Protein backbone atom coordinates (compact mmCIF):
# COMPACT_ATOMS: atom_id res chain seq x y z
CA MET A 1 -0.15 -0.04 -0.22
CA GLN A 2 2.95 2.64 1.20
CA TYR A 3 4.29 1.56 -2.10
CA ALA A 4 1.61 1.97 -4.73
CA ARG A 5 1.25 5.70 -2.64
CA ALA A 6 4.78 6.28 -3.42
CA ALA A 7 4.49 5.53 -7.53
CA HIS A 8 1.85 8.42 -7.80
CA ILE A 9 3.95 11.30 -6.38
CA GLU A 10 5.65 13.43 -8.71
CA HIS A 11 9.71 13.94 -7.69
CA GLU A 12 10.95 17.42 -8.23
CA SER A 13 14.69 17.84 -9.26
CA THR A 14 14.03 21.94 -9.18
CA GLU A 15 11.04 24.15 -7.92
CA VAL A 16 9.35 23.83 -11.49
CA PRO A 17 7.02 20.65 -11.34
CA THR A 18 8.47 18.27 -14.21
CA GLY A 19 5.52 18.43 -16.62
CA ARG A 20 5.84 22.58 -17.04
CA LEU A 21 9.64 21.81 -17.56
CA GLY A 22 9.51 18.94 -20.12
CA MET A 23 6.55 20.66 -21.61
CA TRP A 24 9.38 23.79 -22.24
CA TRP A 25 12.00 21.75 -23.49
CA PHE A 26 9.36 19.87 -26.01
CA LEU A 27 8.23 23.59 -27.45
CA ALA A 28 12.17 24.73 -27.65
CA SER A 29 12.38 22.00 -30.03
CA GLU A 30 9.19 23.35 -31.43
CA ILE A 31 10.38 26.75 -31.42
CA VAL A 32 13.29 25.05 -33.61
CA ILE A 33 11.55 23.99 -36.35
CA PHE A 34 9.59 27.14 -36.69
CA GLY A 35 11.63 29.35 -35.96
CA GLY A 36 14.20 28.15 -38.84
CA LEU A 37 10.62 28.17 -40.90
CA ILE A 38 9.90 31.64 -40.44
CA THR A 39 13.50 32.89 -41.15
CA ILE A 40 14.15 31.15 -44.65
CA TYR A 41 10.83 32.03 -45.58
CA VAL A 42 12.13 36.01 -44.55
CA LEU A 43 15.23 35.72 -46.22
CA PHE A 44 13.19 34.24 -49.27
CA ARG A 45 10.95 37.35 -49.41
CA TRP A 46 13.48 39.68 -49.58
CA ARG A 47 15.11 38.39 -52.20
CA HIS A 48 11.32 37.90 -53.86
CA PRO A 49 9.37 40.89 -54.11
CA GLU A 50 6.78 39.63 -56.48
CA TRP A 51 5.43 37.37 -53.56
CA GLY A 52 3.45 39.97 -52.36
CA ALA A 53 1.55 39.24 -56.20
CA GLU A 54 1.36 35.54 -54.56
CA SER A 55 -0.11 36.59 -51.11
CA SER A 56 -2.82 38.84 -52.62
CA HIS A 57 -4.34 35.64 -53.46
CA THR A 58 -4.65 34.62 -49.57
CA ILE A 59 -8.36 35.22 -48.39
CA ASN A 60 -7.35 37.35 -45.67
CA ALA A 61 -10.57 37.96 -43.81
CA ALA A 62 -10.46 34.03 -43.55
CA GLY A 63 -6.71 34.21 -41.92
CA GLY A 64 -7.58 37.16 -39.61
CA PHE A 65 -10.87 35.66 -38.27
CA ASN A 66 -8.73 32.77 -37.71
CA THR A 67 -6.56 34.75 -35.75
CA LEU A 68 -9.52 35.92 -33.85
CA VAL A 69 -11.13 32.03 -32.86
CA LEU A 70 -7.36 31.18 -31.84
CA LEU A 71 -6.98 34.03 -29.49
CA THR A 72 -10.49 33.46 -28.20
CA SER A 73 -9.19 29.81 -27.43
CA SER A 74 -6.34 31.04 -25.74
CA LEU A 75 -8.85 32.99 -23.41
CA THR A 76 -10.88 29.78 -23.07
CA VAL A 77 -7.95 27.71 -22.03
CA VAL A 78 -6.30 30.33 -19.88
CA LEU A 79 -10.20 30.72 -17.67
CA ALA A 80 -9.95 26.46 -17.82
CA HIS A 81 -6.36 26.67 -15.64
CA LYS A 82 -7.87 29.43 -13.36
CA ALA A 83 -11.22 27.28 -12.45
CA VAL A 84 -8.96 24.31 -11.96
CA SER A 85 -6.46 26.37 -9.67
CA GLU A 86 -10.09 27.67 -8.10
CA GLY A 87 -11.25 23.41 -7.59
CA LYS A 88 -14.19 23.88 -10.09
CA LEU A 89 -13.36 20.88 -12.77
CA GLY A 90 -16.43 20.81 -14.37
CA GLU A 91 -16.03 24.61 -15.23
CA ALA A 92 -12.72 23.80 -16.63
CA ALA A 93 -13.55 20.59 -18.33
CA ARG A 94 -16.50 23.25 -19.56
CA LEU A 95 -14.04 25.91 -21.00
CA LEU A 96 -11.52 23.36 -22.67
CA GLY A 97 -14.79 22.26 -24.71
CA PHE A 98 -14.79 25.81 -25.95
CA THR A 99 -11.26 25.37 -26.46
CA LEU A 100 -11.92 22.64 -29.07
CA LEU A 101 -14.29 24.37 -30.50
CA GLY A 102 -12.06 27.08 -31.43
CA GLY A 103 -9.71 24.54 -32.93
CA ALA A 104 -11.83 22.82 -34.86
CA VAL A 105 -13.43 26.43 -36.36
CA PHE A 106 -10.20 27.26 -37.36
CA LEU A 107 -9.55 23.70 -38.95
CA CYS A 108 -12.44 24.21 -40.77
CA VAL A 109 -11.64 27.47 -42.02
CA LYS A 110 -8.28 26.51 -42.89
CA VAL A 111 -10.31 23.61 -45.01
CA PHE A 112 -12.28 26.06 -47.19
CA GLU A 113 -9.07 28.53 -47.69
CA TYR A 114 -6.76 25.25 -48.78
CA THR A 115 -10.30 24.21 -51.23
CA HIS A 116 -10.52 27.13 -52.30
CA GLU A 117 -7.17 27.99 -53.26
CA ILE A 118 -6.57 24.57 -54.74
CA ARG A 119 -9.69 25.76 -57.09
CA GLU A 120 -7.99 29.03 -58.31
CA GLY A 121 -4.72 27.09 -58.85
CA PHE A 122 -3.03 28.15 -56.04
CA LEU A 123 -0.35 24.85 -55.71
CA PRO A 124 2.66 24.46 -54.39
CA ALA A 125 4.11 23.46 -57.85
CA ARG A 126 2.79 27.13 -59.00
CA SER A 127 5.96 28.76 -56.71
CA LEU A 128 8.14 28.87 -53.55
CA PHE A 129 5.80 31.22 -52.04
CA TRP A 130 2.73 28.70 -52.33
CA SER A 131 5.43 26.09 -50.92
CA PHE A 132 6.23 28.33 -47.94
CA TYR A 133 2.53 28.93 -47.30
CA TYR A 134 1.11 25.25 -47.56
CA THR A 135 4.45 23.81 -45.30
CA MET A 136 3.43 26.47 -42.87
CA THR A 137 0.37 26.51 -42.52
CA GLY A 138 -0.10 22.83 -42.47
CA LEU A 139 2.47 22.32 -40.41
CA HIS A 140 0.81 24.14 -38.06
CA ALA A 141 -2.52 22.90 -38.83
CA LEU A 142 -1.28 20.05 -38.01
CA HIS A 143 0.10 21.32 -34.01
CA VAL A 144 -3.51 22.17 -33.67
CA LEU A 145 -4.76 19.11 -34.19
CA GLY A 146 -2.25 17.58 -31.75
CA GLY A 147 -3.10 20.15 -29.46
CA MET A 148 -6.76 19.05 -29.87
CA VAL A 149 -5.95 15.90 -29.29
CA ALA A 150 -4.31 16.39 -25.71
CA ILE A 151 -6.68 19.13 -24.28
CA ALA A 152 -9.24 16.10 -25.38
CA CYS A 153 -7.52 14.20 -23.44
CA VAL A 154 -6.92 16.19 -20.28
CA LEU A 155 -10.43 17.34 -20.18
CA VAL A 156 -11.93 13.49 -20.00
CA ALA A 157 -9.21 13.03 -17.01
CA VAL A 158 -10.86 16.38 -15.51
CA ARG A 159 -14.61 15.73 -15.78
CA ARG A 160 -13.25 12.47 -13.71
CA GLY A 161 -11.35 14.53 -11.04
CA LYS A 162 -8.04 13.40 -12.34
CA ILE A 163 -5.02 15.13 -13.01
CA PRO A 164 -6.60 18.40 -13.43
CA HIS A 165 -2.81 19.86 -13.15
CA ARG A 166 -2.30 18.97 -16.82
CA VAL A 167 -4.66 21.31 -17.54
CA GLU A 168 -1.49 24.28 -17.29
CA TYR A 169 0.46 21.82 -20.15
CA VAL A 170 -2.03 21.85 -22.76
CA GLY A 171 -2.56 25.40 -22.23
CA ILE A 172 1.07 25.85 -22.62
CA TYR A 173 1.14 23.88 -25.61
CA TRP A 174 -1.99 25.68 -27.18
CA HIS A 175 -0.64 29.40 -26.69
CA PHE A 176 2.82 28.14 -28.30
CA VAL A 177 0.25 27.33 -31.39
CA ASP A 178 -1.58 30.86 -30.91
CA VAL A 179 1.85 33.00 -31.32
CA VAL A 180 3.18 30.88 -34.19
CA TRP A 181 -0.20 31.49 -36.18
CA ILE A 182 0.47 35.15 -34.86
CA PHE A 183 3.53 35.34 -37.15
CA LEU A 184 2.44 32.96 -39.72
CA PHE A 185 -0.46 35.42 -40.12
CA PRO A 186 1.47 38.65 -40.87
CA LEU A 187 4.11 37.19 -42.92
CA LEU A 188 1.58 35.13 -45.17
CA TYR A 189 -1.25 37.01 -45.49
CA LEU A 190 -0.44 40.80 -45.24
CA THR A 191 3.06 40.91 -46.93
CA SER A 192 1.14 41.18 -50.58
């Protein structure tokens, strides 16, 4: 019995919880990936002013709407974390559900955008701009999807009254996804 209880205690080697530290290390690797892509894009963009004409074919209203959706979903995950700290697990689960809804809306808008752009002939083979566009927004969409899976798992656990501290960890990840979009939106949509 004593051994079983001890197995569930988290051991910290620093004052920072292991889960939070692990999340920051994971995000450091993600920053390298997105940072590298964004840096290469910016360097190419300076050499190719004609990309402004290509960028003018993106749907600015959809990108702006998606920015609003992600920022709102970031707010709901912050409120979920606050609810957990106050012991309101039902409210935290509800707020995580709203965060999931925001992620789903974001992905639906991306599907609409991709469908429109492909129909108009803006494919990755058309130009290097569109290759960057699909690579960067597609990789970001995969991260949104991954974040949604993680949030859904934490939501189910929180509903059962288990591991509520993980709301903070999925929240940190979700904020990262939002910050990446805040870089991608102006670089890909507003630079025409």
